[in-house]
Amino acid sequence: MKKTQLLKGVLAGCVLKIISEKEIYGYELVQILQRKGFTSIVGGTIYPLLQKLEKQELIVATFKSSPEGPDRKYFKITTSGENALKEFELEWQELVTNVANLWEDK
């Protein structure tokens, strides 16, 4: 199984986690993910996901001026997004525990 297939299922939760910590724009989000080890993540993966999360009202966007060029679209988590993140964390911990249990049963 390819790592990208596994990542696809958890990327939204990872993005919500980062956005929950601070208001952020897309390129900065990609950079943080890459620094955290998600080296295969590119803007072409993140921007459609941000649009999806925005459509689901888990995040909201506002444009802010940038000293380095055009305005940037910053994303902030909503209350619904915080609830979805809490649910993701619970489901993730359960999954990690269940998978670890399989390896411990050797």
C-alpha atoms as a PDB file:
ATOM      1  CA  MET A   1       0.000   0.000   0.000  1.00  0.00           C
ATOM      2  CA  LYS A   2       1.337   3.391  -0.913  1.00  0.00           C
ATOM      3  CA  LYS A   3       1.956   5.984   1.781  1.00  0.00           C
ATOM      4  CA  THR A   4      -0.070   8.508  -0.238  1.00  0.00           C
ATOM      5  CA  GLN A   5      -3.162   6.332   0.091  1.00  0.00           C
ATOM      6  CA  LEU A   6      -2.796   6.235   3.865  1.00  0.00           C
ATOM      7  CA  LEU A   7      -2.116   9.959   4.049  1.00  0.00           C
ATOM      8  CA  LYS A   8      -5.180  10.831   2.001  1.00  0.00           C
ATOM      9  CA  GLY A   9      -7.407   9.616   4.799  1.00  0.00           C
ATOM     10  CA  VAL A  10      -5.762  11.666   7.537  1.00  0.00           C
ATOM     11  CA  LEU A  11      -4.601  14.812   5.743  1.00  0.00           C
ATOM     12  CA  ALA A  12      -7.754  16.813   6.520  1.00  0.00           C
ATOM     13  CA  GLY A  13      -7.286  16.136  10.234  1.00  0.00           C
ATOM     14  CA  CYS A  14      -3.637  17.177  10.032  1.00  0.00           C
ATOM     15  CA  VAL A  15      -4.564  20.390   8.230  1.00  0.00           C
ATOM     16  CA  LEU A  16      -7.266  21.197  10.786  1.00  0.00           C
ATOM     17  CA  LYS A  17      -4.737  20.625  13.574  1.00  0.00           C
ATOM     18  CA  ILE A  18      -2.302  23.141  12.094  1.00  0.00           C
ATOM     19  CA  ILE A  19      -5.032  25.699  11.395  1.00  0.00           C
ATOM     20  CA  SER A  20      -6.350  25.290  14.946  1.00  0.00           C
ATOM     21  CA  GLU A  21      -3.020  26.553  16.261  1.00  0.00           C
ATOM     22  CA  LYS A  22      -2.905  29.769  14.206  1.00  0.00           C
ATOM     23  CA  GLU A  23      -4.424  31.595  11.276  1.00  0.00           C
ATOM     24  CA  ILE A  24      -2.429  30.537   8.233  1.00  0.00           C
ATOM     25  CA  TYR A  25      -2.244  30.890   4.465  1.00  0.00           C
ATOM     26  CA  GLY A  26      -1.923  27.978   2.048  1.00  0.00           C
ATOM     27  CA  TYR A  27       1.754  28.138   1.132  1.00  0.00           C
ATOM     28  CA  GLU A  28       2.749  28.489   4.796  1.00  0.00           C
ATOM     29  CA  LEU A  29       0.621  25.433   5.566  1.00  0.00           C
ATOM     30  CA  VAL A  30       2.439  23.416   2.892  1.00  0.00           C
ATOM     31  CA  GLN A  31       5.793  24.490   4.354  1.00  0.00           C
ATOM     32  CA  ILE A  32       4.783  23.415   7.876  1.00  0.00           C
ATOM     33  CA  LEU A  33       3.582  20.025   6.647  1.00  0.00           C
ATOM     34  CA  GLN A  34       6.842  19.504   4.763  1.00  0.00           C
ATOM     35  CA  ARG A  35       8.912  20.458   7.835  1.00  0.00           C
ATOM     36  CA  LYS A  36       6.906  17.952   9.881  1.00  0.00           C
ATOM     37  CA  GLY A  37       7.884  15.144   7.490  1.00  0.00           C
ATOM     38  CA  PHE A  38       5.089  15.248   4.916  1.00  0.00           C
ATOM     39  CA  THR A  39       7.605  15.818   2.135  1.00  0.00           C
ATOM     40  CA  SER A  40       5.314  14.694  -0.687  1.00  0.00           C
ATOM     41  CA  ILE A  41       2.706  17.367   0.080  1.00  0.00           C
ATOM     42  CA  VAL A  42       2.437  20.154  -2.490  1.00  0.00           C
ATOM     43  CA  GLY A  43       0.076  23.052  -3.078  1.00  0.00           C
ATOM     44  CA  GLY A  44      -1.844  21.036  -5.657  1.00  0.00           C
ATOM     45  CA  THR A  45      -2.830  18.680  -2.851  1.00  0.00           C
ATOM     46  CA  ILE A  46      -3.538  21.292  -0.185  1.00  0.00           C
ATOM     47  CA  TYR A  47      -5.500  23.977  -2.043  1.00  0.00           C
ATOM     48  CA  PRO A  48      -8.377  21.687  -3.113  1.00  0.00           C
ATOM     49  CA  LEU A  49      -8.511  20.333   0.444  1.00  0.00           C
ATOM     50  CA  LEU A  50      -8.699  23.870   1.860  1.00  0.00           C
ATOM     51  CA  GLN A  51     -11.581  24.611  -0.530  1.00  0.00           C
ATOM     52  CA  LYS A  52     -13.358  21.449   0.608  1.00  0.00           C
ATOM     53  CA  LEU A  53     -12.890  22.295   4.302  1.00  0.00           C
ATOM     54  CA  GLU A  54     -14.125  25.823   3.644  1.00  0.00           C
ATOM     55  CA  LYS A  55     -17.202  24.516   1.797  1.00  0.00           C
ATOM     56  CA  GLN A  56     -17.901  22.209   4.767  1.00  0.00           C
ATOM     57  CA  GLU A  57     -17.634  25.303   7.020  1.00  0.00           C
ATOM     58  CA  LEU A  58     -14.820  23.747   9.060  1.00  0.00           C
ATOM     59  CA  ILE A  59     -12.582  26.711   8.221  1.00  0.00           C
ATOM     60  CA  VAL A  60     -13.184  30.289   7.074  1.00  0.00           C
ATOM     61  CA  ALA A  61     -10.988  32.451   4.897  1.00  0.00           C
ATOM     62  CA  THR A  62     -10.159  36.135   4.945  1.00  0.00           C
ATOM     63  CA  PHE A  63      -7.861  38.101   2.689  1.00  0.00           C
ATOM     64  CA  LYS A  64      -5.063  40.047   4.331  1.00  0.00           C
ATOM     65  CA  SER A  65      -2.430  42.262   2.800  1.00  0.00           C
ATOM     66  CA  SER A  66       1.051  40.865   2.340  1.00  0.00           C
ATOM     67  CA  PRO A  67       4.275  42.853   2.443  1.00  0.00           C
ATOM     68  CA  GLU A  68       5.626  40.594  -0.298  1.00  0.00           C
ATOM     69  CA  GLY A  69       2.981  40.971  -3.002  1.00  0.00           C
ATOM     70  CA  PRO A  70      -0.744  40.403  -3.464  1.00  0.00           C
ATOM     71  CA  ASP A  71      -3.176  39.811  -0.603  1.00  0.00           C
ATOM     72  CA  ARG A  72      -3.070  36.367   0.951  1.00  0.00           C
ATOM     73  CA  LYS A  73      -6.003  34.149   1.833  1.00  0.00           C
ATOM     74  CA  TYR A  74      -5.702  33.221   5.511  1.00  0.00           C
ATOM     75  CA  PHE A  75      -7.619  30.331   7.019  1.00  0.00           C
ATOM     76  CA  LYS A  76      -9.029  30.054  10.525  1.00  0.00           C
ATOM     77  CA  ILE A  77     -10.809  27.124  12.145  1.00  0.00           C
ATOM     78  CA  THR A  78     -14.503  27.431  12.990  1.00  0.00           C
ATOM     79  CA  THR A  79     -16.365  25.942  15.935  1.00  0.00           C
ATOM     80  CA  SER A  80     -17.544  23.153  13.622  1.00  0.00           C
ATOM     81  CA  GLY A  81     -13.924  22.643  12.595  1.00  0.00           C
ATOM     82  CA  GLU A  82     -12.831  22.398  16.229  1.00  0.00           C
ATOM     83  CA  ASN A  83     -15.510  19.766  16.807  1.00  0.00           C
ATOM     84  CA  ALA A  84     -14.410  17.843  13.701  1.00  0.00           C
ATOM     85  CA  LEU A  85     -10.796  18.028  14.899  1.00  0.00           C
ATOM     86  CA  LYS A  86     -11.742  16.593  18.313  1.00  0.00           C
ATOM     87  CA  GLU A  87     -13.592  13.759  16.560  1.00  0.00           C
ATOM     88  CA  PHE A  88     -10.606  13.140  14.278  1.00  0.00           C
ATOM     89  CA  GLU A  89      -8.246  12.978  17.272  1.00  0.00           C
ATOM     90  CA  LEU A  90     -10.435  10.397  19.008  1.00  0.00           C
ATOM     91  CA  GLU A  91     -10.768   8.290  15.865  1.00  0.00           C
ATOM     92  CA  TRP A  92      -7.033   8.578  15.146  1.00  0.00           C
ATOM     93  CA  GLN A  93      -6.077   7.435  18.651  1.00  0.00           C
ATOM     94  CA  GLU A  94      -8.446   4.478  18.386  1.00  0.00           C
ATOM     95  CA  LEU A  95      -6.970   3.514  15.011  1.00  0.00           C
ATOM     96  CA  VAL A  96      -3.381   3.812  16.266  1.00  0.00           C
ATOM     97  CA  THR A  97      -4.236   1.663  19.283  1.00  0.00           C
ATOM     98  CA  ASN A  98      -5.968  -0.988  17.168  1.00  0.00           C
ATOM     99  CA  VAL A  99      -3.092  -1.219  14.681  1.00  0.00           C
ATOM    100  CA  ALA A 100      -0.527  -1.369  17.506  1.00  0.00           C
ATOM    101  CA  ASN A 101      -2.540  -4.177  19.096  1.00  0.00           C
ATOM    102  CA  LEU A 102      -2.164  -6.220  15.923  1.00  0.00           C
ATOM    103  CA  TRP A 103       1.611  -5.971  16.083  1.00  0.00           C
ATOM    104  CA  GLU A 104       1.713  -6.756  19.806  1.00  0.00           C
ATOM    105  CA  ASP A 105      -0.190 -10.028  19.253  1.00  0.00           C
ATOM    106  CA  LYS A 106       2.852 -11.719  17.643  1.00  0.00           C
END
